[in-house]
Amino acid sequence: MCTGVDAAPLDERYQLFRERYDVISKNASKKLLWWFKPRLILSGHTHNGCEVLHEKLYPEISVPSFSWRNRNNPSFILVIKA
């Protein structure tokens, strides 16, 4: 379930991604979370952004494409380490 200002339109938001084609497998995701225990996950996507909380512990922010070819309002994220 993606949320956020750059999330997909409502009619597309509930379409599931295909494991091992659109996204890595659920098993691989669980192993990566278990191994790394990240405080924050930053990722990119070609069309829509997404904010999701994995296992109620690991926030993930997906940034949509920075290319005008993929969307009419390219996005980016700026992270400053304090």
C-alpha atoms as a PDB file:
ATOM      1  CA  MET A   1       0.000   0.000   0.000  1.00  0.00           C
ATOM      2  CA  CYS A   2       1.751   3.127  -1.237  1.00  0.00           C
ATOM      3  CA  THR A   3       0.984   6.593   0.061  1.00  0.00           C
ATOM      4  CA  GLY A   4       2.535  10.007  -0.493  1.00  0.00           C
ATOM      5  CA  VAL A   5       2.190  12.912  -2.881  1.00  0.00           C
ATOM      6  CA  ASP A   6       3.805  11.045  -5.793  1.00  0.00           C
ATOM      7  CA  ALA A   7       1.893   7.768  -5.305  1.00  0.00           C
ATOM      8  CA  ALA A   8       0.142   6.174  -8.268  1.00  0.00           C
ATOM      9  CA  PRO A   9      -3.419   7.270  -9.119  1.00  0.00           C
ATOM     10  CA  LEU A  10      -6.093   5.494  -7.078  1.00  0.00           C
ATOM     11  CA  ASP A  11      -7.132   3.216  -9.946  1.00  0.00           C
ATOM     12  CA  GLU A  12      -3.527   1.945 -10.262  1.00  0.00           C
ATOM     13  CA  ARG A  13      -2.558   1.960  -6.595  1.00  0.00           C
ATOM     14  CA  TYR A  14      -3.983  -1.460  -5.754  1.00  0.00           C
ATOM     15  CA  GLN A  15      -2.500  -3.407  -8.663  1.00  0.00           C
ATOM     16  CA  LEU A  16      -0.024  -5.919  -7.296  1.00  0.00           C
ATOM     17  CA  PHE A  17       3.497  -6.132  -8.651  1.00  0.00           C
ATOM     18  CA  ARG A  18       4.709  -9.491  -9.954  1.00  0.00           C
ATOM     19  CA  GLU A  19       7.392 -11.053  -7.765  1.00  0.00           C
ATOM     20  CA  ARG A  20      10.749 -11.681  -9.444  1.00  0.00           C
ATOM     21  CA  TYR A  21       9.651  -9.579 -12.429  1.00  0.00           C
ATOM     22  CA  ASP A  22       8.494  -6.134 -11.228  1.00  0.00           C
ATOM     23  CA  VAL A  23       9.997  -6.501  -7.742  1.00  0.00           C
ATOM     24  CA  ILE A  24      12.275  -8.896  -5.882  1.00  0.00           C
ATOM     25  CA  SER A  25      10.594 -11.818  -4.155  1.00  0.00           C
ATOM     26  CA  LYS A  26       8.901 -11.427  -0.785  1.00  0.00           C
ATOM     27  CA  ASN A  27      11.355 -13.976   0.638  1.00  0.00           C
ATOM     28  CA  ALA A  28      14.355 -11.948  -0.607  1.00  0.00           C
ATOM     29  CA  SER A  29      12.831  -8.756   0.854  1.00  0.00           C
ATOM     30  CA  LYS A  30      12.375 -10.392   4.262  1.00  0.00           C
ATOM     31  CA  LYS A  31      15.967 -11.693   4.233  1.00  0.00           C
ATOM     32  CA  LEU A  32      17.364  -8.253   3.345  1.00  0.00           C
ATOM     33  CA  LEU A  33      15.367  -6.600   6.141  1.00  0.00           C
ATOM     34  CA  TRP A  34      16.529  -9.272   8.611  1.00  0.00           C
ATOM     35  CA  TRP A  35      20.197  -8.999   7.558  1.00  0.00           C
ATOM     36  CA  PHE A  36      20.510  -5.209   7.403  1.00  0.00           C
ATOM     37  CA  LYS A  37      17.816  -3.915   9.799  1.00  0.00           C
ATOM     38  CA  PRO A  38      17.840  -0.528   8.024  1.00  0.00           C
ATOM     39  CA  ARG A  39      16.704   2.702   9.639  1.00  0.00           C
ATOM     40  CA  LEU A  40      15.550   4.022   6.253  1.00  0.00           C
ATOM     41  CA  ILE A  41      15.231   2.581   2.758  1.00  0.00           C
ATOM     42  CA  LEU A  42      15.553   4.918  -0.230  1.00  0.00           C
ATOM     43  CA  SER A  43      14.724   3.586  -3.678  1.00  0.00           C
ATOM     44  CA  GLY A  44      13.748   4.798  -7.116  1.00  0.00           C
ATOM     45  CA  HIS A  45      10.950   3.983  -9.529  1.00  0.00           C
ATOM     46  CA  THR A  46      10.375   4.880 -13.168  1.00  0.00           C
ATOM     47  CA  HIS A  47       6.845   6.242 -12.754  1.00  0.00           C
ATOM     48  CA  ASN A  48       5.447   6.754  -9.255  1.00  0.00           C
ATOM     49  CA  GLY A  49       6.749   7.457  -5.801  1.00  0.00           C
ATOM     50  CA  CYS A  50       5.761   5.522  -2.722  1.00  0.00           C
ATOM     51  CA  GLU A  51       5.976   5.694   1.048  1.00  0.00           C
ATOM     52  CA  VAL A  52       5.533   2.421   2.907  1.00  0.00           C
ATOM     53  CA  LEU A  53       6.393   1.012   6.333  1.00  0.00           C
ATOM     54  CA  HIS A  54       7.710  -2.567   6.172  1.00  0.00           C
ATOM     55  CA  GLU A  55       6.924  -4.810   9.141  1.00  0.00           C
ATOM     56  CA  LYS A  56       5.900  -1.691  11.112  1.00  0.00           C
ATOM     57  CA  LEU A  57       9.634  -0.928  11.569  1.00  0.00           C
ATOM     58  CA  TYR A  58      11.370  -0.035   8.303  1.00  0.00           C
ATOM     59  CA  PRO A  59      10.273   3.078   6.386  1.00  0.00           C
ATOM     60  CA  GLU A  60      10.828   3.068   2.631  1.00  0.00           C
ATOM     61  CA  ILE A  61      10.597   6.108   0.387  1.00  0.00           C
ATOM     62  CA  SER A  62      10.599   5.478  -3.361  1.00  0.00           C
ATOM     63  CA  VAL A  63      11.341   8.510  -5.477  1.00  0.00           C
ATOM     64  CA  PRO A  64       9.691   8.695  -8.912  1.00  0.00           C
ATOM     65  CA  SER A  65      11.748   9.243 -12.031  1.00  0.00           C
ATOM     66  CA  PHE A  66      13.793  12.401 -12.568  1.00  0.00           C
ATOM     67  CA  SER A  67      13.237  12.071 -16.313  1.00  0.00           C
ATOM     68  CA  TRP A  68      10.694  14.110 -18.282  1.00  0.00           C
ATOM     69  CA  ARG A  69      10.421  11.076 -20.571  1.00  0.00           C
ATOM     70  CA  ASN A  70       8.792   9.013 -17.776  1.00  0.00           C
ATOM     71  CA  ARG A  71       6.538  11.641 -16.167  1.00  0.00           C
ATOM     72  CA  ASN A  72       5.518  15.262 -16.616  1.00  0.00           C
ATOM     73  CA  ASN A  73       6.687  16.307 -13.145  1.00  0.00           C
ATOM     74  CA  PRO A  74      10.112  14.746 -12.423  1.00  0.00           C
ATOM     75  CA  SER A  75      11.065  14.402  -8.762  1.00  0.00           C
ATOM     76  CA  PHE A  76      14.178  14.096  -6.656  1.00  0.00           C
ATOM     77  CA  ILE A  77      15.109  13.658  -3.028  1.00  0.00           C
ATOM     78  CA  LEU A  78      17.802  15.531  -1.151  1.00  0.00           C
ATOM     79  CA  VAL A  79      19.289  13.981   1.968  1.00  0.00           C
ATOM     80  CA  ILE A  80      21.510  15.996   4.255  1.00  0.00           C
ATOM     81  CA  LYS A  81      23.371  14.168   6.990  1.00  0.00           C
ATOM     82  CA  ALA A  82      23.541  16.287  10.116  1.00  0.00           C
END
